[in-house]
Amino acid sequence: MVRYVYYEFWAALAMLFGSAVGVAVAVGVRDETPVRSDGVPLVAAVALGFLVVSALLRSSRLKWFGDVREFEAAVPRPHTGATPPNRTYTVWLVALFVFAALLTSFVGDVVILPVVMGLDWLAKTVVGARWERRNGRVLWRGHDREEPWKLSYAPVSPPRATRTATDAPPA
């Protein structure tokens, strides 16, 4: 099993890194950038706007966009022992990242697709972390080998009681 927030965060970083590699290859091979230097602030503003809109939609209960319903439908974690993640699922994700990097390097105009996917995964990370913090649960993915995308949860353990210098409980 793997923690949902970590999984989405590392997937977002891998996709964004793959996009950066693809842009670097496109610049090196064709000696042209996908975005002109005067358009960089506009692209950054659009990317930030997309990240905010994606996070707002993901934090809703909308049927096709929201993730909160999926988080609330998570089942209790069946056991405390960690199981290794499904390797075929991981192989497919790595293949997706490689494909996105190659697509970006050969077709420079499509650089926006992997960036959008990476930003969406980053929004899922933020929404998942916020939901975990508000509900006192940690989301896990991969408890069911047949359906590795299904979520389970474990309660967050309460903080240890503070002690005084004399090792007496606080009054």
Protein backbone atom coordinates (compact mmCIF):
# COMPACT_ATOMS: atom_id res chain seq x y z
CA MET A 1 0.00 0.00 0.00
CA VAL A 2 1.09 3.53 -0.64
CA ARG A 3 -0.18 6.73 0.91
CA TYR A 4 -2.49 8.60 -1.46
CA VAL A 5 -0.96 12.05 -0.94
CA TYR A 6 2.60 10.82 -1.52
CA TYR A 7 1.57 8.88 -4.60
CA GLU A 8 -0.14 11.85 -6.23
CA PHE A 9 2.69 14.22 -5.28
CA TRP A 10 5.42 12.03 -6.76
CA ALA A 11 3.33 11.40 -9.88
CA ALA A 12 2.92 15.16 -10.34
CA LEU A 13 6.63 15.78 -9.87
CA ALA A 14 7.52 13.01 -12.31
CA MET A 15 5.13 14.34 -14.94
CA LEU A 16 6.33 17.93 -14.56
CA PHE A 17 9.95 16.77 -14.65
CA GLY A 18 9.20 14.73 -17.77
CA SER A 19 7.69 17.83 -19.34
CA ALA A 20 10.78 19.86 -18.50
CA VAL A 21 12.99 17.17 -20.05
CA GLY A 22 10.77 17.17 -23.14
CA VAL A 23 11.05 20.93 -23.48
CA ALA A 24 14.83 20.71 -23.08
CA VAL A 25 15.00 18.06 -25.80
CA ALA A 26 12.76 20.14 -28.09
CA VAL A 27 14.97 23.17 -27.60
CA GLY A 28 18.09 21.10 -28.21
CA VAL A 29 16.81 19.28 -31.28
CA ARG A 30 14.85 22.00 -33.07
CA ASP A 31 16.58 25.03 -31.56
CA GLU A 32 13.24 26.68 -30.79
CA THR A 33 11.20 27.01 -27.63
CA PRO A 34 7.50 26.08 -27.42
CA VAL A 35 6.77 29.41 -25.68
CA ARG A 36 8.29 32.77 -26.62
CA SER A 37 10.08 34.59 -23.82
CA ASP A 38 7.47 37.37 -23.72
CA GLY A 39 4.71 34.76 -23.26
CA VAL A 40 6.19 33.12 -20.16
CA PRO A 41 4.31 35.32 -17.63
CA LEU A 42 1.04 34.59 -19.41
CA VAL A 43 1.72 30.84 -19.42
CA ALA A 44 2.64 30.97 -15.72
CA ALA A 45 -0.56 32.88 -14.90
CA VAL A 46 -2.69 30.43 -16.89
CA ALA A 47 -0.96 27.47 -15.19
CA LEU A 48 -1.55 28.99 -11.74
CA GLY A 49 -5.17 29.71 -12.64
CA PHE A 50 -5.64 26.14 -13.85
CA LEU A 51 -4.11 24.83 -10.61
CA VAL A 52 -6.54 26.90 -8.52
CA VAL A 53 -9.59 25.93 -10.60
CA SER A 54 -8.55 22.27 -10.58
CA ALA A 55 -8.12 22.32 -6.80
CA LEU A 56 -11.54 23.93 -6.35
CA LEU A 57 -13.23 21.39 -8.61
CA ARG A 58 -11.38 18.46 -6.99
CA SER A 59 -12.41 19.61 -3.51
CA SER A 60 -16.09 19.61 -4.47
CA ARG A 61 -18.59 16.78 -4.55
CA LEU A 62 -19.29 17.14 -8.28
CA LYS A 63 -19.79 13.79 -9.96
CA TRP A 64 -17.03 13.83 -12.61
CA PHE A 65 -14.61 16.32 -11.07
CA GLY A 66 -14.77 16.09 -7.28
CA ASP A 67 -12.62 13.75 -5.21
CA VAL A 68 -14.32 14.28 -1.86
CA ARG A 69 -16.95 11.62 -2.57
CA GLU A 70 -14.20 9.12 -3.32
CA PHE A 71 -12.39 10.04 -0.09
CA GLU A 72 -15.56 9.63 1.95
CA ALA A 73 -16.28 6.26 0.31
CA ALA A 74 -12.90 4.89 1.43
CA VAL A 75 -13.08 1.75 3.54
CA PRO A 76 -11.19 1.23 6.78
CA ARG A 77 -7.69 -0.07 6.24
CA PRO A 78 -7.91 -3.86 6.42
CA HIS A 79 -4.60 -4.45 8.23
CA THR A 80 -1.58 -2.53 9.40
CA GLY A 81 1.05 -4.45 7.45
CA ALA A 82 2.21 -2.74 4.28
CA THR A 83 1.94 -4.71 1.08
CA PRO A 84 4.16 -4.02 -1.90
CA PRO A 85 2.49 -1.91 -4.58
CA ASN A 86 1.21 -3.50 -7.74
CA ARG A 87 4.16 -3.36 -10.14
CA THR A 88 2.08 -3.47 -13.33
CA TYR A 89 0.25 -0.31 -12.27
CA THR A 90 3.59 1.41 -11.62
CA VAL A 91 4.97 0.26 -14.99
CA TRP A 92 1.98 1.80 -16.77
CA LEU A 93 2.52 5.11 -15.00
CA VAL A 94 6.22 5.17 -15.89
CA ALA A 95 5.31 4.37 -19.50
CA LEU A 96 2.86 7.29 -19.45
CA PHE A 97 5.57 9.66 -18.20
CA VAL A 98 8.04 8.50 -20.83
CA PHE A 99 5.40 8.89 -23.54
CA ALA A 100 4.57 12.40 -22.34
CA ALA A 101 8.25 13.38 -22.37
CA LEU A 102 8.74 11.97 -25.86
CA LEU A 103 5.58 13.61 -27.14
CA THR A 104 6.72 16.94 -25.74
CA SER A 105 10.18 16.59 -27.23
CA PHE A 106 9.00 15.76 -30.75
CA VAL A 107 5.85 17.87 -30.91
CA GLY A 108 6.71 21.03 -29.02
CA ASP A 109 3.25 22.53 -29.36
CA VAL A 110 1.73 19.81 -27.18
CA VAL A 111 3.82 20.79 -24.15
CA ILE A 112 0.66 21.89 -22.39
CA LEU A 113 -0.83 18.37 -22.06
CA PRO A 114 1.72 16.85 -19.67
CA VAL A 115 1.94 20.13 -17.75
CA VAL A 116 -1.84 20.15 -17.29
CA MET A 117 -1.78 16.53 -16.12
CA GLY A 118 1.02 17.28 -13.67
CA LEU A 119 -0.78 20.33 -12.29
CA ASP A 120 -3.98 18.30 -11.91
CA TRP A 121 -2.10 15.67 -9.90
CA LEU A 122 -0.62 18.45 -7.80
CA ALA A 123 -4.16 19.74 -7.13
CA LYS A 124 -5.21 16.21 -6.12
CA THR A 125 -2.31 16.16 -3.67
CA VAL A 126 -3.39 19.43 -2.06
CA VAL A 127 -7.05 18.39 -1.85
CA GLY A 128 -6.15 14.98 -0.41
CA ALA A 129 -3.85 16.48 2.23
CA ARG A 130 -6.51 19.02 3.20
CA TRP A 131 -9.17 16.30 3.50
CA GLU A 132 -6.85 14.11 5.61
CA ARG A 133 -6.11 16.99 7.96
CA ARG A 134 -9.77 17.96 8.38
CA ASN A 135 -11.03 14.41 8.92
CA GLY A 136 -8.20 12.95 11.01
CA ARG A 137 -7.66 10.06 8.57
CA VAL A 138 -4.77 9.03 6.36
CA LEU A 139 -5.76 7.82 2.89
CA TRP A 140 -4.06 4.75 1.43
CA ARG A 141 -4.15 3.33 -2.07
CA GLY A 142 -3.54 -0.26 -3.14
CA HIS A 143 -5.15 -2.36 -0.40
CA ASP A 144 -6.94 -4.41 -3.09
CA ARG A 145 -4.64 -5.98 -5.70
CA GLU A 146 -7.44 -6.28 -8.28
CA GLU A 147 -8.37 -2.61 -7.92
CA PRO A 148 -5.23 -0.70 -6.83
CA TRP A 149 -6.92 2.69 -7.25
CA LYS A 150 -9.45 1.99 -4.47
CA LEU A 151 -8.87 3.97 -1.30
CA SER A 152 -8.75 2.91 2.31
CA TYR A 153 -8.07 4.97 5.41
CA ALA A 154 -6.42 4.67 8.78
CA PRO A 155 -7.13 7.00 11.68
CA VAL A 156 -4.39 9.42 12.63
CA SER A 157 -3.01 8.52 16.03
CA PRO A 158 -3.61 11.23 18.64
CA PRO A 159 -0.60 13.23 19.78
CA ARG A 160 1.20 12.02 22.88
CA ALA A 161 0.29 13.73 26.11
CA THR A 162 2.73 16.40 27.16
CA ARG A 163 4.65 15.89 30.37
CA THR A 164 6.19 18.38 32.76
CA ALA A 165 9.83 18.50 33.87
CA THR A 166 9.01 16.28 36.85
CA ASP A 167 7.32 13.74 34.55
CA ALA A 168 3.93 14.54 36.07
CA PRO A 169 0.92 14.93 33.79
CA PRO A 170 -0.16 18.54 33.24
CA ALA A 171 -2.91 19.82 35.48
